[in-house]
Amino acid sequence: MADMPATVIHTTFTKSISPGLDSLIIVASPRALLQPLGLLRLLQLCSTGMAFPLVLCMGAWMGPMGSWCVFSWCFSFAMTLIVLAVELTGLQSRLLLSWQEFPITCACYAVLFCLSSSIIYPITYVRFMSYDYTRKYAVCAIIFSCISCVAYATEVTWTHSRPGYITGYMASTTGMLKVFESFIACVIFLFLSKSQLYGKEPALVWCLVVYIICFILTMVVILLCLGKCTNILPIPFTTYLTGMTFMCVLLYITAIVIWPLYKFKEEFHGLPHRVMDSSCSYKSAHSVCVWDRQLTVTFLTGVNLMAYIADFMNSS
């Protein structure tokens, strides 16, 4: 029997990656900073690194709202610095964290933190300042905050939409919704920092419990993904996601009914009009009056309910 000629078939696998997006991961050297993603992260580091020193050196951050803004800029700066340090030294494989999930999670949170600071700081603080050099420093901090917000949003967009690249859960739509939901809960906690807003009525305490439970359940998902621990759950991860989001939808529905009912209906000792709240009768920096806090919590509750509904529809 004659020998049959052998044919060797060479198969080549290619992967399309947007230019520069993976430069910091592939090249663990300072040259990576000259790539698009490296330059973008340097912009993030510089803009957030300029925002909080401008405010701190002038002492223009007193009160819970000012503290929130300073924390937001410091958090974003620290996370970007960690990402740069790890990727420049090539230590991703030695960490217990999932490096596929960590940078995009930090970028998503940084977008929201910088955006909230760019809105909250001028509304609750800067507009009450006198027109002197302190106000100029504060305005510069807002400008840098806006720049950092755009820079982080660009990274999130690049990571979410890069073609031909398999991204992790946190870069997916549902993953980003988890970040958004947990962040909105944090802002709700900020506006509920005064116990007088919920301490007098058991129904309002229930609303606070709803916010806490949903926040914890959402953070469990994020931490499991970051820690590569989704397999430790006694049920499949997708089942947990669907059940968790459905439970949060139900809980938030109760909150969106109870909170405004007790806060804005006179039958439940609420204040339907802002002028009825004596704490809103005078303008004061560093704080937000009670009625405005109640309205903000109502609005954010509705926003988070919509987010959980969208999350459930995407995960089910």
Protein backbone atom coordinates (compact mmCIF):
# COMPACT_ATOMS: atom_id res chain seq x y z
CA MET A 1 0.00 0.00 0.00
CA ALA A 2 1.54 3.33 -1.11
CA ASP A 3 2.24 5.90 1.48
CA MET A 4 -0.26 8.69 1.43
CA PRO A 5 1.24 12.18 1.31
CA ALA A 6 1.01 14.00 4.62
CA THR A 7 -0.52 17.45 4.70
CA VAL A 8 0.31 19.82 7.50
CA ILE A 9 -2.27 22.45 8.24
CA HIS A 10 -1.15 25.50 10.16
CA THR A 11 -3.83 27.29 12.10
CA THR A 12 -3.22 30.78 13.31
CA PHE A 13 -5.30 32.35 16.03
CA THR A 14 -5.51 36.12 16.03
CA LYS A 15 -7.05 38.54 18.47
CA SER A 16 -7.99 42.07 17.66
CA ILE A 17 -7.24 44.51 20.42
CA SER A 18 -7.77 48.22 20.30
CA PRO A 19 -4.39 49.98 20.07
CA GLY A 20 -2.77 50.69 23.39
CA LEU A 21 -5.48 49.29 25.65
CA ASP A 22 -3.45 46.35 26.90
CA SER A 23 -0.07 48.03 26.81
CA LEU A 24 0.30 48.25 30.58
CA ILE A 25 -0.46 44.56 30.98
CA ILE A 26 1.71 43.27 28.13
CA VAL A 27 4.71 45.57 28.70
CA ALA A 28 5.69 45.82 32.36
CA SER A 29 7.99 48.79 31.87
CA PRO A 30 7.85 52.60 31.97
CA ARG A 31 7.42 52.60 28.17
CA ALA A 32 3.85 51.49 28.75
CA LEU A 33 3.06 54.96 30.06
CA LEU A 34 3.52 56.32 26.55
CA GLN A 35 0.71 54.15 25.20
CA PRO A 36 -2.88 55.55 25.02
CA LEU A 37 -4.12 53.79 28.16
CA GLY A 38 -0.96 54.69 30.04
CA LEU A 39 -1.30 58.36 29.13
CA LEU A 40 -4.98 58.26 30.07
CA ARG A 41 -4.17 56.88 33.51
CA LEU A 42 -1.48 59.50 34.00
CA LEU A 43 -4.15 62.12 33.24
CA GLN A 44 -6.44 60.48 35.81
CA LEU A 45 -3.65 60.47 38.38
CA CYS A 46 -2.70 64.11 37.79
CA SER A 47 -6.26 65.48 37.71
CA THR A 48 -7.40 63.74 40.88
CA GLY A 49 -4.00 64.46 42.47
CA MET A 50 -4.57 68.17 41.87
CA ALA A 51 -8.21 68.28 43.02
CA PHE A 52 -7.93 67.27 46.66
CA PRO A 53 -4.71 69.18 47.53
CA LEU A 54 -6.28 72.40 46.24
CA VAL A 55 -9.22 71.90 48.60
CA LEU A 56 -7.21 70.61 51.56
CA CYS A 57 -4.60 73.36 51.53
CA MET A 58 -7.34 76.02 51.70
CA GLY A 59 -9.43 74.15 54.28
CA ALA A 60 -12.42 74.33 51.94
CA TRP A 61 -13.92 70.95 52.69
CA MET A 62 -15.66 71.15 56.06
CA GLY A 63 -18.93 69.30 56.61
CA PRO A 64 -20.14 65.92 55.32
CA MET A 65 -20.51 67.09 51.71
CA GLY A 66 -17.01 68.52 51.54
CA SER A 67 -15.61 65.40 53.20
CA TRP A 68 -17.39 63.24 50.63
CA CYS A 69 -15.79 65.16 47.77
CA VAL A 70 -12.30 64.95 49.26
CA PHE A 71 -12.77 61.23 49.88
CA SER A 72 -13.93 60.76 46.29
CA TRP A 73 -10.84 62.40 44.84
CA CYS A 74 -8.49 60.63 47.27
CA PHE A 75 -10.11 57.24 46.55
CA SER A 76 -9.83 57.71 42.79
CA PHE A 77 -6.23 58.88 43.07
CA ALA A 78 -5.25 55.94 45.30
CA MET A 79 -6.91 53.32 43.09
CA THR A 80 -5.27 54.70 39.94
CA LEU A 81 -1.90 54.77 41.67
CA ILE A 82 -2.31 51.12 42.71
CA VAL A 83 -3.30 50.07 39.18
CA LEU A 84 -0.32 51.86 37.66
CA ALA A 85 2.12 50.49 40.23
CA VAL A 86 0.97 46.89 39.84
CA GLU A 87 0.89 46.92 36.05
CA LEU A 88 4.22 48.71 35.68
CA THR A 89 5.92 46.16 37.95
CA GLY A 90 4.11 43.18 36.41
CA LEU A 91 2.75 41.88 39.72
CA GLN A 92 -0.74 41.01 38.44
CA SER A 93 -0.20 37.24 38.61
CA ARG A 94 1.01 37.40 42.22
CA LEU A 95 -2.11 39.07 43.56
CA LEU A 96 -5.10 37.23 44.95
CA LEU A 97 -7.37 39.61 43.07
CA SER A 98 -8.67 39.05 39.56
CA TRP A 99 -6.74 41.63 37.58
CA GLN A 100 -9.19 41.25 34.71
CA GLU A 101 -11.85 42.71 37.02
CA PHE A 102 -9.97 45.12 39.30
CA PRO A 103 -8.98 48.02 36.97
CA ILE A 104 -12.39 48.30 35.32
CA THR A 105 -14.12 48.17 38.72
CA CYS A 106 -11.91 50.96 40.03
CA ALA A 107 -12.50 53.02 36.89
CA CYS A 108 -16.29 52.61 37.17
CA TYR A 109 -16.29 53.72 40.79
CA ALA A 110 -13.95 56.62 39.99
CA VAL A 111 -16.29 57.90 37.26
CA LEU A 112 -19.18 57.99 39.70
CA PHE A 113 -17.17 59.45 42.59
CA CYS A 114 -15.67 62.24 40.48
CA LEU A 115 -19.01 62.97 38.82
CA SER A 116 -20.78 63.23 42.17
CA SER A 117 -18.05 65.51 43.54
CA SER A 118 -18.21 67.71 40.44
CA ILE A 119 -21.93 68.20 41.19
CA ILE A 120 -22.12 68.16 45.00
CA TYR A 121 -19.11 70.37 45.77
CA PRO A 122 -20.16 73.45 43.77
CA ILE A 123 -23.83 73.16 44.82
CA THR A 124 -23.31 72.66 48.56
CA TYR A 125 -20.03 74.50 49.11
CA VAL A 126 -18.54 76.71 46.39
CA ARG A 127 -21.64 78.84 45.75
CA PHE A 128 -21.58 80.00 49.39
CA MET A 129 -17.95 81.17 49.20
CA SER A 130 -16.95 84.79 48.97
CA TYR A 131 -15.20 85.89 45.79
CA ASP A 132 -11.60 85.57 46.93
CA TYR A 133 -8.59 83.37 46.24
CA THR A 134 -10.11 80.47 48.22
CA ARG A 135 -13.03 80.33 45.81
CA LYS A 136 -10.60 80.33 42.87
CA TYR A 137 -8.80 77.32 44.31
CA ALA A 138 -12.14 75.56 44.81
CA VAL A 139 -13.19 76.27 41.22
CA CYS A 140 -9.88 74.86 39.98
CA ALA A 141 -10.55 71.72 42.01
CA ILE A 142 -13.94 71.36 40.29
CA ILE A 143 -12.29 71.73 36.87
CA PHE A 144 -9.78 69.00 37.68
CA SER A 145 -12.62 66.83 38.99
CA CYS A 146 -14.48 67.20 35.69
CA ILE A 147 -11.32 66.34 33.74
CA SER A 148 -10.77 63.20 35.81
CA CYS A 149 -14.41 62.21 35.33
CA VAL A 150 -14.01 62.38 31.55
CA ALA A 151 -10.72 60.46 31.72
CA TYR A 152 -12.21 57.63 33.78
CA ALA A 153 -15.30 57.50 31.57
CA THR A 154 -13.04 57.13 28.55
CA GLU A 155 -11.27 54.15 30.13
CA VAL A 156 -14.59 52.51 30.99
CA THR A 157 -15.83 53.02 27.43
CA TRP A 158 -12.63 51.59 25.95
CA THR A 159 -12.71 48.55 28.21
CA HIS A 160 -16.41 47.88 27.70
CA SER A 161 -16.39 48.21 23.93
CA ARG A 162 -12.99 46.95 22.81
CA PRO A 163 -13.52 44.49 19.92
CA GLY A 164 -12.28 40.91 19.92
CA TYR A 165 -11.41 40.92 23.60
CA ILE A 166 -13.08 38.74 26.23
CA THR A 167 -13.76 40.95 29.23
CA GLY A 168 -14.67 39.90 32.74
CA TYR A 169 -18.01 40.15 34.49
CA MET A 170 -17.35 43.62 35.90
CA ALA A 171 -16.87 45.02 32.37
CA SER A 172 -20.26 43.67 31.30
CA THR A 173 -23.48 45.66 31.52
CA THR A 174 -24.67 43.81 34.63
CA GLY A 175 -21.28 44.19 36.27
CA MET A 176 -21.29 47.94 35.72
CA LEU A 177 -24.84 48.10 37.02
CA LYS A 178 -23.64 46.45 40.24
CA VAL A 179 -21.08 49.22 40.68
CA PHE A 180 -23.72 51.85 39.97
CA GLU A 181 -26.20 50.31 42.43
CA SER A 182 -23.68 50.11 45.25
CA PHE A 183 -22.51 53.67 44.58
CA ILE A 184 -26.06 55.07 44.65
CA ALA A 185 -26.59 53.29 47.97
CA CYS A 186 -23.48 55.03 49.32
CA VAL A 187 -24.86 58.43 48.26
CA ILE A 188 -28.17 57.57 49.95
CA PHE A 189 -26.25 56.79 53.15
CA LEU A 190 -24.51 60.17 52.81
CA PHE A 191 -27.83 62.02 52.75
CA LEU A 192 -29.17 59.84 55.59
CA SER A 193 -26.25 60.74 57.85
CA LYS A 194 -28.69 62.51 60.21
CA SER A 195 -30.65 59.97 62.25
CA GLN A 196 -33.60 62.38 62.56
CA LEU A 197 -34.49 61.54 58.97
CA TYR A 198 -35.53 57.98 59.81
CA GLY A 199 -35.35 57.41 63.57
CA LYS A 200 -38.89 58.47 64.50
CA GLU A 201 -40.87 56.00 62.39
CA PRO A 202 -40.39 52.20 62.16
CA ALA A 203 -41.45 52.35 58.50
CA LEU A 204 -38.56 54.71 57.74
CA VAL A 205 -36.16 52.45 59.62
CA TRP A 206 -37.35 49.68 57.30
CA CYS A 207 -36.32 51.82 54.32
CA LEU A 208 -32.84 52.18 55.82
CA VAL A 209 -32.70 48.41 56.30
CA VAL A 210 -33.66 47.96 52.64
CA TYR A 211 -30.79 50.18 51.52
CA ILE A 212 -28.32 48.32 53.75
CA ILE A 213 -29.44 44.81 52.74
CA CYS A 214 -29.35 45.57 49.01
CA PHE A 215 -25.97 47.28 49.35
CA ILE A 216 -24.49 44.24 51.13
CA LEU A 217 -25.92 41.78 48.60
CA THR A 218 -24.54 43.82 45.72
CA MET A 219 -21.11 44.19 47.31
CA VAL A 220 -20.98 40.42 47.82
CA VAL A 221 -21.22 39.98 44.05
CA ILE A 222 -18.48 42.55 43.39
CA LEU A 223 -16.13 41.10 46.02
CA LEU A 224 -16.69 37.54 44.79
CA CYS A 225 -15.76 38.61 41.27
CA LEU A 226 -12.71 40.56 42.41
CA GLY A 227 -11.55 37.71 44.61
CA LYS A 228 -12.19 34.97 42.01
CA CYS A 229 -14.43 33.26 44.57
CA THR A 230 -17.71 32.85 42.66
CA ASN A 231 -17.38 29.06 42.95
CA ILE A 232 -17.66 29.09 46.76
CA LEU A 233 -21.39 29.80 46.62
CA PRO A 234 -23.63 26.79 47.38
CA ILE A 235 -25.70 27.67 44.30
CA PRO A 236 -24.65 28.61 40.75
CA PHE A 237 -23.42 32.19 40.47
CA THR A 238 -25.99 33.06 37.79
CA THR A 239 -28.78 31.77 40.02
CA TYR A 240 -27.53 33.95 42.88
CA LEU A 241 -27.40 36.98 40.58
CA THR A 242 -30.97 36.49 39.39
CA GLY A 243 -32.36 35.83 42.87
CA MET A 244 -30.42 38.71 44.42
CA THR A 245 -31.53 41.28 41.88
CA PHE A 246 -35.15 40.12 42.08
CA MET A 247 -35.08 40.43 45.88
CA CYS A 248 -33.57 43.92 45.62
CA VAL A 249 -36.28 44.96 43.16
CA LEU A 250 -38.97 43.86 45.63
CA LEU A 251 -37.26 45.58 48.57
CA TYR A 252 -36.77 48.84 46.69
CA ILE A 253 -40.41 48.82 45.61
CA THR A 254 -41.40 48.92 49.28
CA ALA A 255 -38.94 51.76 49.92
CA ILE A 256 -40.09 53.87 46.96
CA VAL A 257 -43.64 53.66 48.34
CA ILE A 258 -42.97 54.07 52.06
CA TRP A 259 -40.28 56.77 52.03
CA PRO A 260 -42.14 59.53 50.12
CA LEU A 261 -45.41 58.55 51.80
CA TYR A 262 -44.02 59.27 55.26
CA LYS A 263 -41.90 62.24 54.19
CA PHE A 264 -44.26 64.23 51.95
CA LYS A 265 -47.79 63.33 53.10
CA GLU A 266 -49.27 65.43 55.91
CA GLU A 267 -51.39 62.47 57.05
CA PHE A 268 -48.13 60.74 58.02
CA HIS A 269 -46.61 63.91 59.54
CA GLY A 270 -44.66 64.64 56.37
CA LEU A 271 -43.90 68.02 54.79
CA PRO A 272 -45.30 68.31 51.26
CA HIS A 273 -43.69 71.71 50.60
CA ARG A 274 -40.12 72.91 51.10
CA VAL A 275 -41.21 76.18 52.73
CA MET A 276 -42.69 74.16 55.60
CA ASP A 277 -39.21 73.02 56.64
CA SER A 278 -37.62 75.58 58.95
CA SER A 279 -34.13 74.19 58.27
CA CYS A 280 -34.47 75.34 54.64
CA SER A 281 -35.34 78.92 55.54
CA TYR A 282 -31.69 80.01 55.67
CA LYS A 283 -28.76 79.44 53.36
CA SER A 284 -25.85 77.60 54.90
CA ALA A 285 -22.71 76.13 53.46
CA HIS A 286 -21.40 72.67 54.25
CA SER A 287 -24.86 71.19 54.74
CA VAL A 288 -28.15 70.32 53.04
CA CYS A 289 -31.47 71.01 54.74
CA VAL A 290 -33.73 68.17 55.85
CA TRP A 291 -36.38 68.56 53.14
CA ASP A 292 -33.76 68.58 50.39
CA ARG A 293 -32.18 65.45 51.86
CA GLN A 294 -35.56 63.71 51.88
CA LEU A 295 -36.22 64.65 48.27
CA THR A 296 -32.75 63.49 47.21
CA VAL A 297 -33.20 60.13 48.94
CA THR A 298 -36.57 59.73 47.20
CA PHE A 299 -35.03 60.47 43.81
CA LEU A 300 -32.04 58.16 44.39
CA THR A 301 -34.34 55.38 45.57
CA GLY A 302 -36.22 55.60 42.27
CA VAL A 303 -32.93 55.64 40.34
CA ASN A 304 -31.65 52.54 42.10
CA LEU A 305 -34.98 50.76 41.62
CA MET A 306 -34.69 51.36 37.86
CA ALA A 307 -31.09 50.12 37.97
CA TYR A 308 -32.07 46.88 39.74
CA ILE A 309 -34.92 46.32 37.30
CA ALA A 310 -32.54 46.75 34.36
CA ASP A 311 -30.04 44.47 36.13
CA PHE A 312 -32.67 41.79 36.63
CA MET A 313 -33.75 41.94 33.01
CA ASN A 314 -30.14 41.54 31.86
CA SER A 315 -29.24 38.75 34.30
CA SER A 316 -32.40 36.63 34.05
